[in-house]
Amino acid sequence: MLDEMIELHSVLGLILVILAVLLLVANLMNSRSTVVKRFRSVFIGLLDLQVLLGIIAFFIHPMSGLFILHPVIMVVAVGILHVMTKPSRSPSVRIGAYASATVLLILGVLAGRL
């Protein structure tokens, strides 16, 4: 069961990186669209699911060493995405948040492979 959950966590992580890039591009093109706002809501929900899967996997099978960078980087990225991409933020703030969080998500995925 743990192997399947970790595999789901890995696959969902890669999907979230792709979605983050798509959201960045969508915000660069038309940041006021209702579709983009809904896309963001789905994305944030999937991020929360990803965090939950990661926490469960970590408690079932604790890791140490450089791997600890993975959850730290990911929590920072999720925090940025939750707070700085709200529709009430200015377009430039949202674009900057998506860009920085996308880089962090990529680094976090790579750190998860350590």
N, C-alpha and C. Protein backbone atom coordinates (compact mmCIF):
# COMPACT_ATOMS: atom_id res chain seq x y z
N MET A 1 0.81 -1.20 0.00
CA MET A 1 0.00 0.00 0.00
C MET A 1 0.85 1.26 0.00
N LEU A 2 1.94 1.24 0.79
CA LEU A 2 2.81 2.41 0.85
C LEU A 2 3.44 2.68 -0.51
N ASP A 3 3.85 1.63 -1.21
CA ASP A 3 4.46 1.81 -2.52
C ASP A 3 3.51 2.49 -3.50
N GLU A 4 2.23 2.07 -3.46
CA GLU A 4 1.25 2.68 -4.36
C GLU A 4 1.01 4.14 -4.00
N MET A 5 0.99 4.45 -2.70
CA MET A 5 0.77 5.83 -2.28
C MET A 5 1.97 6.71 -2.67
N ILE A 6 3.17 6.19 -2.52
CA ILE A 6 4.35 6.95 -2.91
C ILE A 6 4.37 7.13 -4.43
N GLU A 7 3.96 6.11 -5.17
CA GLU A 7 3.89 6.23 -6.63
C GLU A 7 2.85 7.29 -7.03
N LEU A 8 1.69 7.28 -6.38
CA LEU A 8 0.67 8.30 -6.64
C LEU A 8 1.20 9.68 -6.30
N HIS A 9 1.91 9.80 -5.19
CA HIS A 9 2.51 11.07 -4.78
C HIS A 9 3.51 11.54 -5.84
N SER A 10 4.30 10.65 -6.37
CA SER A 10 5.29 11.00 -7.40
C SER A 10 4.62 11.45 -8.70
N VAL A 11 3.64 10.68 -9.14
CA VAL A 11 2.95 11.02 -10.40
C VAL A 11 2.19 12.33 -10.25
N LEU A 12 1.49 12.50 -9.13
CA LEU A 12 0.75 13.75 -8.91
C LEU A 12 1.71 14.93 -8.84
N GLY A 13 2.88 14.73 -8.28
CA GLY A 13 3.88 15.80 -8.22
C GLY A 13 4.30 16.27 -9.61
N LEU A 14 4.52 15.32 -10.50
CA LEU A 14 4.89 15.69 -11.88
C LEU A 14 3.73 16.39 -12.58
N ILE A 15 2.52 15.92 -12.35
CA ILE A 15 1.34 16.56 -12.95
C ILE A 15 1.22 18.00 -12.42
N LEU A 16 1.47 18.19 -11.14
CA LEU A 16 1.37 19.54 -10.56
C LEU A 16 2.42 20.48 -11.12
N VAL A 17 3.61 19.98 -11.41
CA VAL A 17 4.63 20.83 -12.05
C VAL A 17 4.13 21.29 -13.42
N ILE A 18 3.57 20.37 -14.19
CA ILE A 18 3.03 20.72 -15.51
C ILE A 18 1.89 21.73 -15.38
N LEU A 19 0.99 21.50 -14.42
CA LEU A 19 -0.12 22.43 -14.21
C LEU A 19 0.38 23.81 -13.77
N ALA A 20 1.43 23.84 -12.96
CA ALA A 20 1.99 25.12 -12.53
C ALA A 20 2.53 25.91 -13.73
N VAL A 21 3.19 25.22 -14.64
CA VAL A 21 3.68 25.88 -15.86
C VAL A 21 2.51 26.39 -16.68
N LEU A 22 1.47 25.58 -16.82
CA LEU A 22 0.28 26.00 -17.58
C LEU A 22 -0.40 27.21 -16.94
N LEU A 23 -0.47 27.22 -15.61
CA LEU A 23 -1.07 28.36 -14.92
C LEU A 23 -0.22 29.62 -15.09
N LEU A 24 1.09 29.45 -15.07
CA LEU A 24 1.97 30.60 -15.31
C LEU A 24 1.72 31.18 -16.69
N VAL A 25 1.66 30.32 -17.69
CA VAL A 25 1.40 30.77 -19.07
C VAL A 25 0.02 31.40 -19.17
N ALA A 26 -0.98 30.78 -18.56
CA ALA A 26 -2.35 31.33 -18.60
C ALA A 26 -2.41 32.70 -17.96
N ASN A 27 -1.69 32.90 -16.88
CA ASN A 27 -1.67 34.21 -16.23
C ASN A 27 -0.92 35.24 -17.04
N LEU A 28 0.09 34.80 -17.76
CA LEU A 28 0.80 35.72 -18.65
C LEU A 28 -0.09 36.17 -19.80
N MET A 29 -0.99 35.30 -20.25
CA MET A 29 -1.84 35.61 -21.39
C MET A 29 -3.10 36.38 -21.00
N ASN A 30 -3.79 35.93 -19.94
CA ASN A 30 -5.05 36.56 -19.56
C ASN A 30 -5.34 36.27 -18.10
N SER A 31 -4.87 37.12 -17.24
CA SER A 31 -4.96 36.83 -15.81
C SER A 31 -6.34 37.11 -15.21
N ARG A 32 -7.25 37.68 -15.94
CA ARG A 32 -8.58 38.02 -15.41
C ARG A 32 -9.65 36.99 -15.76
N SER A 33 -9.31 35.97 -16.51
CA SER A 33 -10.27 34.99 -16.99
C SER A 33 -10.87 34.16 -15.84
N THR A 34 -12.16 33.89 -15.94
CA THR A 34 -12.83 33.02 -14.96
C THR A 34 -12.29 31.61 -15.03
N VAL A 35 -11.94 31.17 -16.22
CA VAL A 35 -11.38 29.83 -16.40
C VAL A 35 -10.07 29.71 -15.63
N VAL A 36 -9.24 30.74 -15.70
CA VAL A 36 -7.95 30.72 -14.98
C VAL A 36 -8.20 30.67 -13.48
N LYS A 37 -9.20 31.39 -13.00
CA LYS A 37 -9.51 31.37 -11.56
C LYS A 37 -9.98 29.99 -11.12
N ARG A 38 -10.79 29.35 -11.93
CA ARG A 38 -11.26 27.99 -11.61
C ARG A 38 -10.11 26.99 -11.69
N PHE A 39 -9.26 27.16 -12.69
CA PHE A 39 -8.08 26.31 -12.86
C PHE A 39 -7.20 26.41 -11.62
N ARG A 40 -7.05 27.63 -11.10
CA ARG A 40 -6.26 27.83 -9.89
C ARG A 40 -6.87 27.09 -8.72
N SER A 41 -8.19 27.13 -8.58
CA SER A 41 -8.86 26.44 -7.47
C SER A 41 -8.64 24.94 -7.52
N VAL A 42 -8.75 24.36 -8.69
CA VAL A 42 -8.50 22.92 -8.85
C VAL A 42 -7.04 22.62 -8.52
N PHE A 43 -6.14 23.45 -9.01
CA PHE A 43 -4.70 23.28 -8.78
C PHE A 43 -4.39 23.32 -7.28
N ILE A 44 -4.95 24.30 -6.57
CA ILE A 44 -4.70 24.41 -5.13
C ILE A 44 -5.26 23.19 -4.39
N GLY A 45 -6.42 22.71 -4.81
CA GLY A 45 -6.98 21.50 -4.20
C GLY A 45 -6.08 20.29 -4.40
N LEU A 46 -5.55 20.14 -5.60
CA LEU A 46 -4.62 19.04 -5.87
C LEU A 46 -3.33 19.19 -5.07
N LEU A 47 -2.86 20.43 -4.90
CA LEU A 47 -1.67 20.67 -4.07
C LEU A 47 -1.93 20.21 -2.64
N ASP A 48 -3.09 20.54 -2.11
CA ASP A 48 -3.41 20.14 -0.75
C ASP A 48 -3.47 18.61 -0.62
N LEU A 49 -4.04 17.95 -1.61
CA LEU A 49 -4.05 16.49 -1.63
C LEU A 49 -2.62 15.95 -1.66
N GLN A 50 -1.78 16.57 -2.46
CA GLN A 50 -0.38 16.16 -2.57
C GLN A 50 0.34 16.29 -1.23
N VAL A 51 0.10 17.39 -0.53
CA VAL A 51 0.72 17.59 0.79
C VAL A 51 0.24 16.51 1.76
N LEU A 52 -1.05 16.23 1.75
CA LEU A 52 -1.59 15.20 2.62
C LEU A 52 -0.97 13.83 2.34
N LEU A 53 -0.87 13.47 1.07
CA LEU A 53 -0.22 12.19 0.71
C LEU A 53 1.23 12.17 1.17
N GLY A 54 1.92 13.29 1.00
CA GLY A 54 3.32 13.36 1.43
C GLY A 54 3.48 13.22 2.93
N ILE A 55 2.60 13.86 3.69
CA ILE A 55 2.67 13.75 5.15
C ILE A 55 2.41 12.31 5.61
N ILE A 56 1.39 11.69 5.03
CA ILE A 56 1.08 10.31 5.39
C ILE A 56 2.26 9.39 5.05
N ALA A 57 2.80 9.55 3.85
CA ALA A 57 3.94 8.71 3.44
C ALA A 57 5.14 8.94 4.35
N PHE A 58 5.37 10.19 4.75
CA PHE A 58 6.52 10.50 5.60
C PHE A 58 6.37 9.85 6.97
N PHE A 59 5.16 9.86 7.53
CA PHE A 59 4.96 9.25 8.86
C PHE A 59 5.00 7.74 8.80
N ILE A 60 4.57 7.16 7.70
CA ILE A 60 4.62 5.71 7.56
C ILE A 60 6.06 5.24 7.31
N HIS A 61 6.79 6.00 6.51
CA HIS A 61 8.15 5.62 6.15
C HIS A 61 9.05 6.86 6.23
N PRO A 62 9.49 7.22 7.44
CA PRO A 62 10.31 8.44 7.60
C PRO A 62 11.62 8.36 6.81
N MET A 63 11.99 9.47 6.22
CA MET A 63 13.25 9.57 5.48
C MET A 63 14.14 10.58 6.19
N SER A 64 15.43 10.54 5.88
CA SER A 64 16.35 11.49 6.49
C SER A 64 17.40 11.90 5.47
N GLY A 65 18.38 12.63 5.92
CA GLY A 65 19.44 13.10 5.04
C GLY A 65 18.97 14.25 4.16
N LEU A 66 19.51 14.32 2.95
CA LEU A 66 19.15 15.40 2.04
C LEU A 66 17.70 15.34 1.59
N PHE A 67 17.07 14.19 1.73
CA PHE A 67 15.66 14.07 1.34
C PHE A 67 14.79 15.08 2.09
N ILE A 68 15.21 15.46 3.29
CA ILE A 68 14.41 16.39 4.10
C ILE A 68 14.21 17.73 3.38
N LEU A 69 15.05 18.02 2.40
CA LEU A 69 14.87 19.24 1.59
C LEU A 69 13.56 19.18 0.81
N HIS A 70 13.14 17.99 0.42
CA HIS A 70 11.92 17.83 -0.38
C HIS A 70 10.70 18.43 0.32
N PRO A 71 10.35 17.99 1.55
CA PRO A 71 9.17 18.58 2.17
C PRO A 71 9.32 20.06 2.51
N VAL A 72 10.53 20.48 2.86
CA VAL A 72 10.74 21.89 3.18
C VAL A 72 10.50 22.77 1.96
N ILE A 73 11.09 22.41 0.83
CA ILE A 73 10.91 23.18 -0.41
C ILE A 73 9.45 23.17 -0.83
N MET A 74 8.82 22.02 -0.74
CA MET A 74 7.43 21.91 -1.18
C MET A 74 6.47 22.71 -0.31
N VAL A 75 6.70 22.73 0.98
CA VAL A 75 5.83 23.52 1.87
C VAL A 75 5.97 25.01 1.55
N VAL A 76 7.18 25.46 1.27
CA VAL A 76 7.38 26.87 0.88
C VAL A 76 6.64 27.16 -0.43
N ALA A 77 6.76 26.27 -1.41
CA ALA A 77 6.08 26.46 -2.70
C ALA A 77 4.56 26.50 -2.52
N VAL A 78 4.02 25.58 -1.72
CA VAL A 78 2.57 25.54 -1.50
C VAL A 78 2.11 26.80 -0.77
N GLY A 79 2.90 27.26 0.18
CA GLY A 79 2.57 28.50 0.88
C GLY A 79 2.51 29.69 -0.07
N ILE A 80 3.48 29.80 -0.93
CA ILE A 80 3.50 30.87 -1.93
C ILE A 80 2.26 30.78 -2.81
N LEU A 81 1.95 29.58 -3.27
CA LEU A 81 0.81 29.41 -4.17
C LEU A 81 -0.52 29.71 -3.47
N HIS A 82 -0.64 29.33 -2.22
CA HIS A 82 -1.88 29.61 -1.49
C HIS A 82 -2.08 31.10 -1.25
N VAL A 83 -1.03 31.78 -0.86
CA VAL A 83 -1.16 33.17 -0.43
C VAL A 83 -1.01 34.17 -1.57
N MET A 84 -0.05 33.95 -2.43
CA MET A 84 0.30 34.98 -3.42
C MET A 84 -0.40 34.86 -4.77
N THR A 85 -1.20 33.82 -4.98
CA THR A 85 -1.87 33.68 -6.28
C THR A 85 -3.37 33.93 -6.19
N LYS A 86 -3.82 34.46 -5.07
CA LYS A 86 -5.25 34.78 -4.92
C LYS A 86 -5.66 35.78 -6.00
N PRO A 87 -6.88 35.66 -6.49
CA PRO A 87 -7.35 36.60 -7.52
C PRO A 87 -7.30 38.07 -7.09
N SER A 88 -7.31 38.32 -5.80
CA SER A 88 -7.24 39.71 -5.32
C SER A 88 -5.84 40.31 -5.46
N ARG A 89 -4.85 39.49 -5.68
CA ARG A 89 -3.47 39.98 -5.88
C ARG A 89 -3.34 40.59 -7.27
N SER A 90 -2.39 41.49 -7.42
CA SER A 90 -2.17 42.10 -8.74
C SER A 90 -1.61 41.05 -9.70
N PRO A 91 -1.85 41.24 -11.01
CA PRO A 91 -1.33 40.27 -11.99
C PRO A 91 0.18 40.05 -11.88
N SER A 92 0.92 41.11 -11.63
CA SER A 92 2.38 40.95 -11.56
C SER A 92 2.79 40.11 -10.34
N VAL A 93 2.09 40.27 -9.24
CA VAL A 93 2.38 39.46 -8.05
C VAL A 93 2.04 38.00 -8.31
N ARG A 94 0.89 37.75 -8.94
CA ARG A 94 0.50 36.37 -9.24
C ARG A 94 1.48 35.72 -10.20
N ILE A 95 1.90 36.43 -11.22
CA ILE A 95 2.85 35.87 -12.19
C ILE A 95 4.18 35.56 -11.50
N GLY A 96 4.65 36.48 -10.67
CA GLY A 96 5.89 36.23 -9.93
C GLY A 96 5.77 35.04 -9.00
N ALA A 97 4.60 34.90 -8.37
CA ALA A 97 4.37 33.77 -7.47
C ALA A 97 4.35 32.45 -8.23
N TYR A 98 3.65 32.43 -9.37
CA TYR A 98 3.63 31.20 -10.17
C TYR A 98 5.03 30.85 -10.68
N ALA A 99 5.78 31.85 -11.09
CA ALA A 99 7.14 31.59 -11.61
C ALA A 99 8.05 31.04 -10.50
N SER A 100 8.06 31.70 -9.35
CA SER A 100 8.94 31.25 -8.27
C SER A 100 8.49 29.90 -7.72
N ALA A 101 7.18 29.70 -7.58
CA ALA A 101 6.68 28.42 -7.07
C ALA A 101 6.96 27.28 -8.05
N THR A 102 6.87 27.57 -9.34
CA THR A 102 7.18 26.53 -10.34
C THR A 102 8.63 26.08 -10.21
N VAL A 103 9.53 27.04 -10.05
CA VAL A 103 10.94 26.70 -9.87
C VAL A 103 11.11 25.87 -8.59
N LEU A 104 10.44 26.29 -7.52
CA LEU A 104 10.53 25.53 -6.27
C LEU A 104 9.95 24.13 -6.40
N LEU A 105 8.83 24.00 -7.13
CA LEU A 105 8.24 22.67 -7.33
C LEU A 105 9.21 21.76 -8.08
N ILE A 106 9.86 22.30 -9.09
CA ILE A 106 10.85 21.50 -9.84
C ILE A 106 12.01 21.09 -8.94
N LEU A 107 12.52 22.05 -8.16
CA LEU A 107 13.60 21.73 -7.23
C LEU A 107 13.15 20.71 -6.18
N GLY A 108 11.91 20.85 -5.71
CA GLY A 108 11.37 19.92 -4.72
C GLY A 108 11.24 18.51 -5.28
N VAL A 109 10.78 18.40 -6.51
CA VAL A 109 10.68 17.07 -7.15
C VAL A 109 12.08 16.46 -7.26
N LEU A 110 13.05 17.25 -7.67
CA LEU A 110 14.42 16.75 -7.77
C LEU A 110 14.96 16.35 -6.40
N ALA A 111 14.66 17.14 -5.37
CA ALA A 111 15.12 16.82 -4.01
C ALA A 111 14.47 15.53 -3.51
N GLY A 112 13.26 15.25 -3.97
CA GLY A 112 12.59 14.01 -3.59
C GLY A 112 13.25 12.77 -4.16
N ARG A 113 14.09 12.96 -5.15
CA ARG A 113 14.79 11.83 -5.77
C ARG A 113 16.14 11.56 -5.08
N LEU A 114 16.53 12.39 -4.10
CA LEU A 114 17.83 12.21 -3.42
C LEU A 114 17.82 11.02 -2.50
